[in-house]
Amino acid sequence: MILKIAGALLILWLAFTLIGVLVKGLFWLAVIGGVLFVCTAAYTALKRGADKHIRS
């Protein structure tokens, strides 16, 4: 009986560990995606502003 409980706790611990690693990895992917989105938006805005200035 104790071995079954210990085995279940071990499996539960392993599952939480894997979920934690995945969430942490997804968090950093979201941060990188956000930074790239802001950089792309800024570049596009600056490029459009430069194009309007050149064409005027």
Foldseek 3Di string as FASTA:
>chain_A
DVVVVVVVVVVVVVVVVVVVVVVVVVVVVVVVVVVVVVVVVVVVVVVVVVVVVVVD
